[in-house]
C-alpha atoms as a PDB file:
ATOM      1  CA  MET A   1     154.472 159.786 141.920  1.00  0.00           C
ATOM      2  CA  SER A   2     151.374 158.987 144.102  1.00  0.00           C
ATOM      3  CA  ILE A   3     150.139 161.917 146.147  1.00  0.00           C
ATOM      4  CA  VAL A   4     149.693 161.260 149.854  1.00  0.00           C
ATOM      5  CA  PRO A   5     146.886 163.442 151.089  1.00  0.00           C
ATOM      6  CA  SER A   6     147.318 165.328 154.344  1.00  0.00           C
ATOM      7  CA  THR A   7     145.220 164.164 157.209  1.00  0.00           C
ATOM      8  CA  ASN A   8     144.173 167.748 157.457  1.00  0.00           C
ATOM      9  CA  SER A   9     141.538 168.464 154.735  1.00  0.00           C
ATOM     10  CA  CYS A  10     142.132 172.131 155.267  1.00  0.00           C
ATOM     11  CA  VAL A  11     145.623 171.707 153.710  1.00  0.00           C
ATOM     12  CA  ALA A  12     144.121 170.056 150.566  1.00  0.00           C
ATOM     13  CA  ARG A  13     141.662 172.926 150.309  1.00  0.00           C
ATOM     14  CA  LEU A  14     144.498 175.396 150.764  1.00  0.00           C
ATOM     15  CA  ILE A  15     146.549 173.852 148.022  1.00  0.00           C
ATOM     16  CA  ASP A  16     143.557 173.811 145.661  1.00  0.00           C
ATOM     17  CA  ALA A  17     142.871 177.497 146.263  1.00  0.00           C
ATOM     18  CA  ASN A  18     146.502 178.564 145.696  1.00  0.00           C
ATOM     19  CA  LEU A  19     146.908 176.484 142.580  1.00  0.00           C
ATOM     20  CA  ASP A  20     143.764 178.337 141.235  1.00  0.00           C
ATOM     21  CA  ARG A  21     145.213 181.665 142.454  1.00  0.00           C
ATOM     22  CA  ALA A  22     148.593 181.083 140.798  1.00  0.00           C
ATOM     23  CA  ARG A  23     147.197 179.987 137.614  1.00  0.00           C
ATOM     24  CA  GLU A  24     144.685 182.854 137.425  1.00  0.00           C
ATOM     25  CA  GLY A  25     147.416 185.363 138.119  1.00  0.00           C
ATOM     26  CA  LEU A  26     149.742 183.888 135.517  1.00  0.00           C
ATOM     27  CA  ARG A  27     146.950 184.190 133.006  1.00  0.00           C
ATOM     28  CA  VAL A  28     146.468 187.863 133.646  1.00  0.00           C
ATOM     29  CA  VAL A  29     150.169 188.484 133.125  1.00  0.00           C
ATOM     30  CA  GLU A  30     150.263 186.217 130.113  1.00  0.00           C
ATOM     31  CA  ASP A  31     147.383 188.072 128.382  1.00  0.00           C
ATOM     32  CA  TRP A  32     149.143 191.407 128.882  1.00  0.00           C
ATOM     33  CA  CYS A  33     152.300 190.009 127.364  1.00  0.00           C
ATOM     34  CA  ARG A  34     150.248 188.540 124.437  1.00  0.00           C
ATOM     35  CA  PHE A  35     147.909 191.490 123.622  1.00  0.00           C
ATOM     36  CA  GLY A  36     149.675 194.508 125.261  1.00  0.00           C
ATOM     37  CA  LEU A  37     153.261 193.825 124.649  1.00  0.00           C
ATOM     38  CA  GLN A  38     153.064 191.270 121.803  1.00  0.00           C
ATOM     39  CA  GLN A  39     155.985 189.377 123.192  1.00  0.00           C
ATOM     40  CA  LYS A  40     155.718 185.731 122.123  1.00  0.00           C
ATOM     41  CA  ASN A  41     158.746 184.577 124.221  1.00  0.00           C
ATOM     42  CA  LEU A  42     157.153 185.832 127.361  1.00  0.00           C
ATOM     43  CA  VAL A  43     153.777 184.331 126.486  1.00  0.00           C
ATOM     44  CA  VAL A  44     155.326 180.917 125.889  1.00  0.00           C
ATOM     45  CA  THR A  45     157.024 180.877 129.294  1.00  0.00           C
ATOM     46  CA  LEU A  46     153.957 181.979 131.251  1.00  0.00           C
ATOM     47  CA  LYS A  47     151.723 179.457 129.345  1.00  0.00           C
ATOM     48  CA  ASP A  48     154.182 176.661 130.167  1.00  0.00           C
ATOM     49  CA  TRP A  49     154.173 177.599 133.852  1.00  0.00           C
ATOM     50  CA  ARG A  50     150.329 177.520 133.861  1.00  0.00           C
ATOM     51  CA  GLN A  51     150.358 174.081 132.324  1.00  0.00           C
ATOM     52  CA  GLN A  52     152.891 172.786 134.737  1.00  0.00           C
ATOM     53  CA  LEU A  53     150.842 173.945 137.694  1.00  0.00           C
ATOM     54  CA  GLY A  54     147.739 172.474 135.986  1.00  0.00           C
ATOM     55  CA  ASN A  55     149.371 169.062 135.888  1.00  0.00           C
ATOM     56  CA  HIS A  56     149.841 169.329 139.728  1.00  0.00           C
ATOM     57  CA  HIS A  57     146.149 170.192 140.257  1.00  0.00           C
ATOM     58  CA  HIS A  58     145.148 166.601 141.223  1.00  0.00           C
ATOM     59  CA  GLU A  59     141.611 165.390 141.921  1.00  0.00           C
ATOM     60  CA  ILE A  60     142.507 165.057 145.596  1.00  0.00           C
ATOM     61  CA  TYR A  61     142.769 168.834 145.781  1.00  0.00           C
ATOM     62  CA  LYS A  62     139.779 169.566 143.672  1.00  0.00           C
ATOM     63  CA  ASN A  63     137.520 167.213 145.689  1.00  0.00           C
ATOM     64  CA  ALA A  64     138.614 168.950 148.920  1.00  0.00           C
ATOM     65  CA  ARG A  65     137.119 172.185 147.586  1.00  0.00           C
ATOM     66  CA  ALA A  66     134.438 173.771 149.868  1.00  0.00           C
ATOM     67  CA  THR A  67     133.652 177.171 148.384  1.00  0.00           C
ATOM     68  CA  SER A  68     130.648 177.643 150.533  1.00  0.00           C
ATOM     69  CA  GLN A  69     132.728 177.386 153.769  1.00  0.00           C
ATOM     70  CA  ASP A  70     135.444 179.782 152.490  1.00  0.00           C
ATOM     71  CA  LYS A  71     135.361 182.814 154.820  1.00  0.00           C
ATOM     72  CA  GLY A  72     137.700 184.755 152.493  1.00  0.00           C
ATOM     73  CA  ILE A  73     135.372 184.825 149.537  1.00  0.00           C
ATOM     74  CA  GLY A  74     134.208 188.376 148.608  1.00  0.00           C
ATOM     75  CA  LEU A  75     136.843 190.084 150.660  1.00  0.00           C
ATOM     76  CA  THR A  76     138.569 193.017 148.815  1.00  0.00           C
ATOM     77  CA  HIS A  77     141.101 195.554 149.721  1.00  0.00           C
ATOM     78  CA  PRO A  78     141.159 199.330 148.853  1.00  0.00           C
ATOM     79  CA  ALA A  79     144.481 198.838 147.005  1.00  0.00           C
ATOM     80  CA  GLN A  80     142.640 196.895 144.361  1.00  0.00           C
ATOM     81  CA  LYS A  81     140.947 200.091 143.296  1.00  0.00           C
ATOM     82  CA  ASN A  82     144.225 201.984 142.861  1.00  0.00           C
ATOM     83  CA  ARG A  83     145.442 199.953 139.811  1.00  0.00           C
ATOM     84  CA  HIS A  84     145.096 202.601 137.134  1.00  0.00           C
ATOM     85  CA  SER A  85     147.497 201.241 134.475  1.00  0.00           C
ATOM     86  CA  PRO A  86     148.337 197.870 132.879  1.00  0.00           C
ATOM     87  CA  GLU A  87     151.722 197.980 134.663  1.00  0.00           C
ATOM     88  CA  GLU A  88     150.041 198.118 138.038  1.00  0.00           C
ATOM     89  CA  VAL A  89     147.772 195.319 137.158  1.00  0.00           C
ATOM     90  CA  VAL A  90     150.710 193.156 135.969  1.00  0.00           C
ATOM     91  CA  ALA A  91     152.781 194.112 139.240  1.00  0.00           C
ATOM     92  CA  ALA A  92     149.807 193.101 141.437  1.00  0.00           C
ATOM     93  CA  ASN A  93     149.344 189.725 139.720  1.00  0.00           C
ATOM     94  CA  CYS A  94     152.977 188.886 139.720  1.00  0.00           C
ATOM     95  CA  SER A  95     152.909 189.437 143.519  1.00  0.00           C
ATOM     96  CA  ARG A  96     149.750 187.369 143.829  1.00  0.00           C
ATOM     97  CA  VAL A  97     151.331 184.503 141.901  1.00  0.00           C
ATOM     98  CA  GLN A  98     154.575 184.691 143.931  1.00  0.00           C
ATOM     99  CA  GLU A  99     152.621 184.605 147.216  1.00  0.00           C
ATOM    100  CA  ALA A 100     150.516 181.707 146.130  1.00  0.00           C
ATOM    101  CA  LEU A 101     153.563 179.753 144.996  1.00  0.00           C
ATOM    102  CA  ARG A 102     155.258 180.370 148.367  1.00  0.00           C
ATOM    103  CA  VAL A 103     152.205 178.979 150.148  1.00  0.00           C
ATOM    104  CA  LEU A 104     152.265 175.891 147.866  1.00  0.00           C
ATOM    105  CA  GLU A 105     155.955 175.299 148.592  1.00  0.00           C
ATOM    106  CA  GLU A 106     155.338 175.424 152.420  1.00  0.00           C
ATOM    107  CA  PHE A 107     152.268 173.240 152.575  1.00  0.00           C
ATOM    108  CA  SER A 108     153.060 170.675 149.913  1.00  0.00           C
ATOM    109  CA  ARG A 109     156.672 170.047 150.900  1.00  0.00           C
ATOM    110  CA  ILE A 110     155.943 166.756 152.717  1.00  0.00           C
ATOM    111  CA  THR A 111     152.967 165.368 150.956  1.00  0.00           C
ATOM    112  CA  ASP A 112     153.590 166.528 147.367  1.00  0.00           C
ATOM    113  CA  PRO A 113     157.372 167.294 147.021  1.00  0.00           C
ATOM    114  CA  ASP A 114     157.085 167.544 143.175  1.00  0.00           C
ATOM    115  CA  LEU A 115     154.536 170.373 143.480  1.00  0.00           C
ATOM    116  CA  ALA A 116     156.743 172.157 146.128  1.00  0.00           C
ATOM    117  CA  ASN A 117     159.903 171.890 143.935  1.00  0.00           C
ATOM    118  CA  ASN A 118     158.083 173.114 140.777  1.00  0.00           C
ATOM    119  CA  ALA A 119     156.346 175.957 142.679  1.00  0.00           C
ATOM    120  CA  SER A 120     159.840 177.100 143.929  1.00  0.00           C
ATOM    121  CA  LYS A 121     161.330 177.030 140.445  1.00  0.00           C
ATOM    122  CA  ILE A 122     158.443 178.967 138.975  1.00  0.00           C
ATOM    123  CA  ARG A 123     158.548 181.548 141.772  1.00  0.00           C
ATOM    124  CA  TYR A 124     162.197 182.368 141.245  1.00  0.00           C
ATOM    125  CA  GLY A 125     161.708 182.325 137.510  1.00  0.00           C
ATOM    126  CA  LEU A 126     158.840 184.843 137.807  1.00  0.00           C
ATOM    127  CA  TYR A 127     161.104 187.194 139.812  1.00  0.00           C
ATOM    128  CA  GLU A 128     163.317 187.505 136.822  1.00  0.00           C
ATOM    129  CA  LEU A 129     160.493 187.412 134.248  1.00  0.00           C
ATOM    130  CA  GLU A 130     158.754 190.319 135.910  1.00  0.00           C
ATOM    131  CA  LEU A 131     161.760 192.504 135.318  1.00  0.00           C
ATOM    132  CA  LYS A 132     161.726 191.507 131.662  1.00  0.00           C
ATOM    133  CA  ILE A 133     158.041 192.434 131.465  1.00  0.00           C
ATOM    134  CA  LEU A 134     158.707 195.748 133.065  1.00  0.00           C
ATOM    135  CA  LYS A 135     161.443 196.619 130.641  1.00  0.00           C
ATOM    136  CA  ALA A 136     159.253 195.452 127.681  1.00  0.00           C
ATOM    137  CA  THR A 137     156.427 197.583 128.988  1.00  0.00           C
ATOM    138  CA  ILE A 138     158.735 200.660 129.124  1.00  0.00           C
ATOM    139  CA  THR A 139     159.935 199.913 125.517  1.00  0.00           C
ATOM    140  CA  SER A 140     156.270 199.639 124.380  1.00  0.00           C
ATOM    141  CA  LYS A 141     155.347 202.943 126.002  1.00  0.00           C
ATOM    142  CA  LEU A 142     158.303 204.795 124.458  1.00  0.00           C
ATOM    143  CA  ARG A 143     157.691 203.401 121.034  1.00  0.00           C
ATOM    144  CA  LYS A 144     154.047 204.361 121.239  1.00  0.00           C
ATOM    145  CA  LYS A 145     155.020 207.883 122.183  1.00  0.00           C
ATOM    146  CA  LEU A 146     157.504 208.004 119.391  1.00  0.00           C
ATOM    147  CA  GLU A 147     154.799 206.821 116.939  1.00  0.00           C
ATOM    148  CA  HIS A 148     152.610 209.657 117.957  1.00  0.00           C
ATOM    149  CA  SER A 149     155.249 212.328 118.195  1.00  0.00           C
ATOM    150  CA  LYS A 150     154.850 215.088 115.526  1.00  0.00           C
ATOM    151  CA  LEU A 151     157.271 217.829 116.476  1.00  0.00           C
ATOM    152  CA  CYS A 152     160.796 217.332 117.947  1.00  0.00           C
ATOM    153  CA  LEU A 153     162.474 220.452 119.352  1.00  0.00           C
ATOM    154  CA  ILE A 154     166.219 220.222 119.118  1.00  0.00           C
ATOM    155  CA  THR A 155     167.879 222.641 121.636  1.00  0.00           C
ATOM    156  CA  THR A 156     170.620 225.114 121.031  1.00  0.00           C
ATOM    157  CA  PRO A 157     172.536 226.947 123.781  1.00  0.00           C
ATOM    158  CA  GLN A 158     170.374 229.746 125.273  1.00  0.00           C
ATOM    159  CA  PRO A 159     170.596 231.669 128.537  1.00  0.00           C
ATOM    160  CA  ASP A 160     166.920 230.904 129.096  1.00  0.00           C
ATOM    161  CA  LEU A 161     167.074 227.351 127.805  1.00  0.00           C
ATOM    162  CA  SER A 162     164.597 225.721 130.238  1.00  0.00           C
ATOM    163  CA  LYS A 163     162.051 228.567 129.905  1.00  0.00           C
ATOM    164  CA  ARG A 164     162.047 228.168 126.117  1.00  0.00           C
ATOM    165  CA  VAL A 165     161.769 224.389 126.176  1.00  0.00           C
ATOM    166  CA  ALA A 166     158.897 224.696 128.715  1.00  0.00           C
ATOM    167  CA  SER A 167     157.039 227.119 126.461  1.00  0.00           C
ATOM    168  CA  ALA A 168     157.399 224.765 123.537  1.00  0.00           C
ATOM    169  CA  LEU A 169     156.168 221.829 125.655  1.00  0.00           C
ATOM    170  CA  GLU A 170     153.187 223.666 126.862  1.00  0.00           C
ATOM    171  CA  GLN A 171     152.144 224.314 123.343  1.00  0.00           C
ATOM    172  CA  GLY A 172     152.316 220.636 122.403  1.00  0.00           C
ATOM    173  CA  VAL A 173     155.935 219.788 121.360  1.00  0.00           C
ATOM    174  CA  ASP A 174     156.017 216.153 122.176  1.00  0.00           C
ATOM    175  CA  MET A 175     159.772 215.375 121.912  1.00  0.00           C
ATOM    176  CA  VAL A 176     162.882 217.198 122.904  1.00  0.00           C
ATOM    177  CA  GLN A 177     166.421 216.452 121.760  1.00  0.00           C
ATOM    178  CA  TYR A 178     169.131 218.031 124.057  1.00  0.00           C
ATOM    179  CA  ARG A 179     172.039 219.187 121.857  1.00  0.00           C
ATOM    180  CA  SER A 180     175.000 221.038 123.387  1.00  0.00           C
ATOM    181  CA  LYS A 181     178.508 221.430 121.986  1.00  0.00           C
ATOM    182  CA  GLU A 182     179.653 224.399 124.003  1.00  0.00           C
ATOM    183  CA  ASP A 183     178.926 223.744 127.671  1.00  0.00           C
ATOM    184  CA  THR A 184     181.098 221.769 130.133  1.00  0.00           C
ATOM    185  CA  ASP A 185     180.026 218.238 131.058  1.00  0.00           C
ATOM    186  CA  ARG A 186     178.834 219.441 134.518  1.00  0.00           C
ATOM    187  CA  GLU A 187     176.678 222.101 132.941  1.00  0.00           C
ATOM    188  CA  ARG A 188     175.335 219.519 130.446  1.00  0.00           C
ATOM    189  CA  VAL A 189     174.271 217.222 133.230  1.00  0.00           C
ATOM    190  CA  ILE A 190     172.510 220.059 135.153  1.00  0.00           C
ATOM    191  CA  GLN A 191     170.724 221.189 131.972  1.00  0.00           C
ATOM    192  CA  ALA A 192     169.792 217.650 130.853  1.00  0.00           C
ATOM    193  CA  ARG A 193     168.372 216.742 134.209  1.00  0.00           C
ATOM    194  CA  GLU A 194     166.197 219.889 134.250  1.00  0.00           C
ATOM    195  CA  LEU A 195     164.986 219.232 130.669  1.00  0.00           C
ATOM    196  CA  ALA A 196     164.358 215.557 131.445  1.00  0.00           C
ATOM    197  CA  CYS A 197     162.105 216.561 134.371  1.00  0.00           C
ATOM    198  CA  LEU A 198     160.212 219.126 132.191  1.00  0.00           C
ATOM    199  CA  CYS A 199     159.608 216.427 129.531  1.00  0.00           C
ATOM    200  CA  LYS A 200     158.393 213.954 132.177  1.00  0.00           C
ATOM    201  CA  LYS A 201     155.980 216.529 133.465  1.00  0.00           C
ATOM    202  CA  HIS A 202     154.580 217.081 129.978  1.00  0.00           C
ATOM    203  CA  LYS A 203     154.716 213.449 129.043  1.00  0.00           C
ATOM    204  CA  ALA A 204     157.138 214.132 126.195  1.00  0.00           C
ATOM    205  CA  LEU A 205     160.108 212.134 125.049  1.00  0.00           C
ATOM    206  CA  PHE A 206     163.532 213.327 126.076  1.00  0.00           C
ATOM    207  CA  ILE A 207     166.423 212.290 123.869  1.00  0.00           C
ATOM    208  CA  VAL A 208     170.175 213.274 124.279  1.00  0.00           C
ATOM    209  CA  ASN A 209     172.124 214.070 121.168  1.00  0.00           C
ATOM    210  CA  ASP A 210     175.357 212.195 120.646  1.00  0.00           C
ATOM    211  CA  ARG A 211     176.243 211.659 124.255  1.00  0.00           C
ATOM    212  CA  LEU A 212     175.488 208.144 125.283  1.00  0.00           C
ATOM    213  CA  ASP A 213     177.063 208.672 128.846  1.00  0.00           C
ATOM    214  CA  LEU A 214     174.847 211.771 129.379  1.00  0.00           C
ATOM    215  CA  ALA A 215     171.760 209.892 128.291  1.00  0.00           C
ATOM    216  CA  LEU A 216     172.539 207.215 130.882  1.00  0.00           C
ATOM    217  CA  ALA A 217     173.361 209.678 133.545  1.00  0.00           C
ATOM    218  CA  VAL A 218     169.996 211.430 133.322  1.00  0.00           C
ATOM    219  CA  ASP A 219     167.950 208.307 132.475  1.00  0.00           C
ATOM    220  CA  ALA A 220     166.891 209.915 129.144  1.00  0.00           C
ATOM    221  CA  ASP A 221     164.373 208.050 126.898  1.00  0.00           C
ATOM    222  CA  GLY A 222     167.082 207.540 124.282  1.00  0.00           C
ATOM    223  CA  VAL A 223     170.030 208.961 122.303  1.00  0.00           C
ATOM    224  CA  HIS A 224     170.212 210.464 118.826  1.00  0.00           C
ATOM    225  CA  LEU A 225     173.457 209.557 116.886  1.00  0.00           C
ATOM    226  CA  GLY A 226     175.129 211.095 113.935  1.00  0.00           C
ATOM    227  CA  GLN A 227     176.714 209.160 111.096  1.00  0.00           C
ATOM    228  CA  ASN A 228     180.129 209.379 112.698  1.00  0.00           C
ATOM    229  CA  ASP A 229     179.026 208.458 116.195  1.00  0.00           C
ATOM    230  CA  ILE A 230     179.174 205.143 118.089  1.00  0.00           C
ATOM    231  CA  PRO A 231     177.862 202.091 116.169  1.00  0.00           C
ATOM    232  CA  THR A 232     174.244 201.168 116.849  1.00  0.00           C
ATOM    233  CA  ASP A 233     174.892 197.735 118.144  1.00  0.00           C
ATOM    234  CA  ILE A 234     177.285 199.010 120.790  1.00  0.00           C
ATOM    235  CA  ALA A 235     174.884 201.897 121.776  1.00  0.00           C
ATOM    236  CA  ARG A 236     172.043 199.283 122.127  1.00  0.00           C
ATOM    237  CA  ARG A 237     174.261 197.070 124.328  1.00  0.00           C
ATOM    238  CA  LEU A 238     175.082 199.930 126.593  1.00  0.00           C
ATOM    239  CA  LEU A 239     171.726 201.678 126.639  1.00  0.00           C
ATOM    240  CA  GLY A 240     169.500 198.701 126.829  1.00  0.00           C
ATOM    241  CA  LYS A 241     166.729 197.253 124.595  1.00  0.00           C
ATOM    242  CA  GLU A 242     164.061 199.475 126.222  1.00  0.00           C
ATOM    243  CA  LYS A 243     165.523 202.815 125.205  1.00  0.00           C
ATOM    244  CA  LEU A 244     165.221 204.638 121.895  1.00  0.00           C
ATOM    245  CA  ILE A 245     168.072 205.020 119.357  1.00  0.00           C
ATOM    246  CA  GLY A 246     167.786 207.500 116.535  1.00  0.00           C
ATOM    247  CA  ARG A 247     170.303 208.035 113.721  1.00  0.00           C
ATOM    248  CA  SER A 248     170.765 211.054 111.311  1.00  0.00           C
ATOM    249  CA  THR A 249     170.719 210.054 107.627  1.00  0.00           C
ATOM    250  CA  HIS A 250     171.581 212.142 104.597  1.00  0.00           C
ATOM    251  CA  CYS A 251     170.742 209.769 101.754  1.00  0.00           C
ATOM    252  CA  ILE A 252     168.821 206.431 101.108  1.00  0.00           C
ATOM    253  CA  LYS A 253     171.930 204.344 101.587  1.00  0.00           C
ATOM    254  CA  GLU A 254     172.453 205.747 105.141  1.00  0.00           C
ATOM    255  CA  LEU A 255     168.750 205.434 105.866  1.00  0.00           C
ATOM    256  CA  GLN A 256     168.735 201.659 104.897  1.00  0.00           C
ATOM    257  CA  GLU A 257     171.847 201.001 106.853  1.00  0.00           C
ATOM    258  CA  ALA A 258     170.310 202.631 110.017  1.00  0.00           C
ATOM    259  CA  GLU A 259     167.190 200.618 109.505  1.00  0.00           C
ATOM    260  CA  GLN A 260     169.062 197.300 109.242  1.00  0.00           C
ATOM    261  CA  GLU A 261     171.144 198.172 112.322  1.00  0.00           C
ATOM    262  CA  GLY A 262     167.958 198.271 114.447  1.00  0.00           C
ATOM    263  CA  CYS A 263     167.551 202.036 114.950  1.00  0.00           C
ATOM    264  CA  ASP A 264     164.100 203.082 116.343  1.00  0.00           C
ATOM    265  CA  TYR A 265     163.768 206.206 114.362  1.00  0.00           C
ATOM    266  CA  LEU A 266     165.602 208.313 111.848  1.00  0.00           C
ATOM    267  CA  GLY A 267     166.527 211.843 110.983  1.00  0.00           C
ATOM    268  CA  VAL A 268     166.126 212.808 107.288  1.00  0.00           C
ATOM    269  CA  GLY A 269     168.016 215.814 106.047  1.00  0.00           C
ATOM    270  CA  PRO A 270     169.269 218.467 106.263  1.00  0.00           C
ATOM    271  CA  VAL A 271     166.387 219.405 103.920  1.00  0.00           C
ATOM    272  CA  PHE A 272     167.488 223.021 103.724  1.00  0.00           C
ATOM    273  CA  SER A 273     170.696 224.819 104.792  1.00  0.00           C
ATOM    274  CA  THR A 274     170.984 225.284 108.458  1.00  0.00           C
ATOM    275  CA  GLN A 275     173.078 227.248 110.935  1.00  0.00           C
ATOM    276  CA  THR A 276     173.258 224.351 113.179  1.00  0.00           C
ATOM    277  CA  LYS A 277     175.300 222.345 110.727  1.00  0.00           C
ATOM    278  CA  PRO A 278     176.472 224.810 108.029  1.00  0.00           C
ATOM    279  CA  ARG A 279     178.972 222.481 106.494  1.00  0.00           C
ATOM    280  CA  LEU A 280     176.350 219.871 105.484  1.00  0.00           C
ATOM    281  CA  ARG A 281     175.060 220.121 102.021  1.00  0.00           C
ATOM    282  CA  PRO A 282     171.187 220.146 101.979  1.00  0.00           C
ATOM    283  CA  SER A 283     169.660 217.008 100.772  1.00  0.00           C
ATOM    284  CA  GLY A 284     166.573 218.778  99.626  1.00  0.00           C
ATOM    285  CA  ILE A 285     162.913 217.971  99.307  1.00  0.00           C
ATOM    286  CA  SER A 286     163.825 215.010  96.958  1.00  0.00           C
ATOM    287  CA  TYR A 287     165.284 213.042  99.839  1.00  0.00           C
ATOM    288  CA  VAL A 288     162.189 213.674 101.882  1.00  0.00           C
ATOM    289  CA  LYS A 289     160.078 212.176  99.074  1.00  0.00           C
ATOM    290  CA  GLU A 290     162.495 209.192  98.799  1.00  0.00           C
ATOM    291  CA  ALA A 291     162.408 208.558 102.578  1.00  0.00           C
ATOM    292  CA  SER A 292     158.527 208.600 102.534  1.00  0.00           C
ATOM    293  CA  GLN A 293     158.677 205.597 100.187  1.00  0.00           C
ATOM    294  CA  ALA A 294     161.661 203.820 101.556  1.00  0.00           C
ATOM    295  CA  THR A 295     161.040 203.013 105.325  1.00  0.00           C
ATOM    296  CA  GLN A 296     158.377 202.044 107.786  1.00  0.00           C
ATOM    297  CA  LEU A 297     160.345 203.328 110.672  1.00  0.00           C
ATOM    298  CA  PRO A 298     159.301 206.698 112.216  1.00  0.00           C
ATOM    299  CA  TRP A 299     161.381 209.509 110.850  1.00  0.00           C
ATOM    300  CA  PHE A 300     161.751 213.255 111.241  1.00  0.00           C
ATOM    301  CA  ALA A 301     162.518 215.672 108.465  1.00  0.00           C
ATOM    302  CA  ILE A 302     165.142 218.044 109.711  1.00  0.00           C
ATOM    303  CA  GLY A 303     167.337 221.036 108.694  1.00  0.00           C
ATOM    304  CA  GLY A 304     166.380 224.731 108.282  1.00  0.00           C
ATOM    305  CA  ILE A 305     162.579 224.006 108.532  1.00  0.00           C
ATOM    306  CA  ASN A 306     160.419 226.927 109.557  1.00  0.00           C
ATOM    307  CA  CYS A 307     156.976 228.327 109.164  1.00  0.00           C
ATOM    308  CA  SER A 308     157.757 229.596 105.575  1.00  0.00           C
ATOM    309  CA  ASN A 309     158.846 226.303 104.140  1.00  0.00           C
ATOM    310  CA  ILE A 310     157.275 223.556 106.376  1.00  0.00           C
ATOM    311  CA  ASP A 311     154.347 223.091 103.972  1.00  0.00           C
ATOM    312  CA  LYS A 312     156.798 221.953 101.190  1.00  0.00           C
ATOM    313  CA  VAL A 313     158.197 219.354 103.556  1.00  0.00           C
ATOM    314  CA  LEU A 314     154.906 218.052 104.644  1.00  0.00           C
ATOM    315  CA  ASN A 315     153.626 217.919 101.050  1.00  0.00           C
ATOM    316  CA  ALA A 316     156.733 215.833 100.151  1.00  0.00           C
ATOM    317  CA  GLY A 317     155.527 213.232 102.646  1.00  0.00           C
ATOM    318  CA  ALA A 318     156.992 214.056 106.019  1.00  0.00           C
ATOM    319  CA  LYS A 319     154.745 213.296 109.005  1.00  0.00           C
ATOM    320  CA  LYS A 320     157.149 214.296 111.686  1.00  0.00           C
ATOM    321  CA  ILE A 321     159.347 217.436 111.877  1.00  0.00           C
ATOM    322  CA  ALA A 322     162.449 218.291 113.863  1.00  0.00           C
ATOM    323  CA  ILE A 323     162.989 222.020 114.591  1.00  0.00           C
ATOM    324  CA  ALA A 324     165.853 223.863 116.126  1.00  0.00           C
ATOM    325  CA  GLY A 325     166.457 227.548 115.212  1.00  0.00           C
ATOM    326  CA  ALA A 326     162.875 228.373 114.283  1.00  0.00           C
ATOM    327  CA  ILE A 327     161.936 227.979 117.964  1.00  0.00           C
ATOM    328  CA  MET A 328     165.187 228.277 119.836  1.00  0.00           C
ATOM    329  CA  ASN A 329     166.090 231.566 118.178  1.00  0.00           C
ATOM    330  CA  SER A 330     162.524 232.950 118.047  1.00  0.00           C
ATOM    331  CA  THR A 331     161.688 236.152 119.915  1.00  0.00           C
ATOM    332  CA  ASN A 332     158.503 234.344 120.927  1.00  0.00           C
ATOM    333  CA  PRO A 333     159.111 230.657 121.190  1.00  0.00           C
ATOM    334  CA  THR A 334     155.565 230.084 122.552  1.00  0.00           C
ATOM    335  CA  SER A 335     153.711 231.386 119.514  1.00  0.00           C
ATOM    336  CA  MET A 336     156.182 229.916 117.125  1.00  0.00           C
ATOM    337  CA  SER A 337     155.781 226.451 118.651  1.00  0.00           C
ATOM    338  CA  LEU A 338     151.923 226.703 118.420  1.00  0.00           C
ATOM    339  CA  GLU A 339     152.125 227.895 114.808  1.00  0.00           C
ATOM    340  CA  LEU A 340     154.416 225.033 113.750  1.00  0.00           C
ATOM    341  CA  ILE A 341     152.254 222.423 115.576  1.00  0.00           C
ATOM    342  CA  GLN A 342     149.101 223.720 113.941  1.00  0.00           C
ATOM    343  CA  LYS A 343     150.713 223.287 110.557  1.00  0.00           C
ATOM    344  CA  ILE A 344     151.703 219.694 111.272  1.00  0.00           C
ATOM    345  CA  SER A 345     148.465 218.573 112.845  1.00  0.00           C
END
């Protein structure tokens, strides 16, 4: 349709400026989705919105541009210096785009209704897309943490549980799996919340063993499931795409099944006999060697591993180790954690 210019040239300049502002902000968000999150579906949507707005950037608006007369050029705000993470940059630019689109809606409604309608659709679409970007960013963060995790501490009931976990985290343990079969649900919630706070303080992952409901209750980073626990697809639907799901495996067949189901990481073992699960027959070093060749997923060797045998596990190809008794039952969990970390590093 033909565009009827406003008799007020200031309106045309205003529309020109906000089209630029909206497209620039969308490009910032688009590039984060492309290079930071590597999410093609988000990139496609954002690129399409930029092109749509570009089609509305008619010559009548560009010709009204008067940069030298713009009193807002060069103005900054202290808040711009407080964006210390990609998430803060993305959030600021989503807001910038939404504000610009609202201005376009208001000032083009009479003279350029197609632009006003499109700006409204994109603005509402961005509200939803921003949430998807936030979830994708959380997912990316958790998976990067998982990739760099070396030592996972699996808890066992202890009177000084939090103290022992805190000592391990201070020495560099970068993942904690809360496991409790003896306490009441109320006690588990209290303990899990406390450990979740400790992990957050030390920037470590916090995973809940078996209990999906408990993981949701304390906003854990994920859940670790055994072979007889809830199916992965149901756990994913309840937990959400952004959280981590691990699965214990005892042979290559189980490992491959867990990988195909979409688990984020795996447990490989038990390598040696363990008091935690005395009925499980050890899978031995041979399974560790097989796992090192069979999957690209992150995986933790687990089961009876301690300072006296960890070298065998590492030499068999393990890069990540899960420890329970060696730390939780130690008379000095601080020095034991440090010793194990030094061996893995």
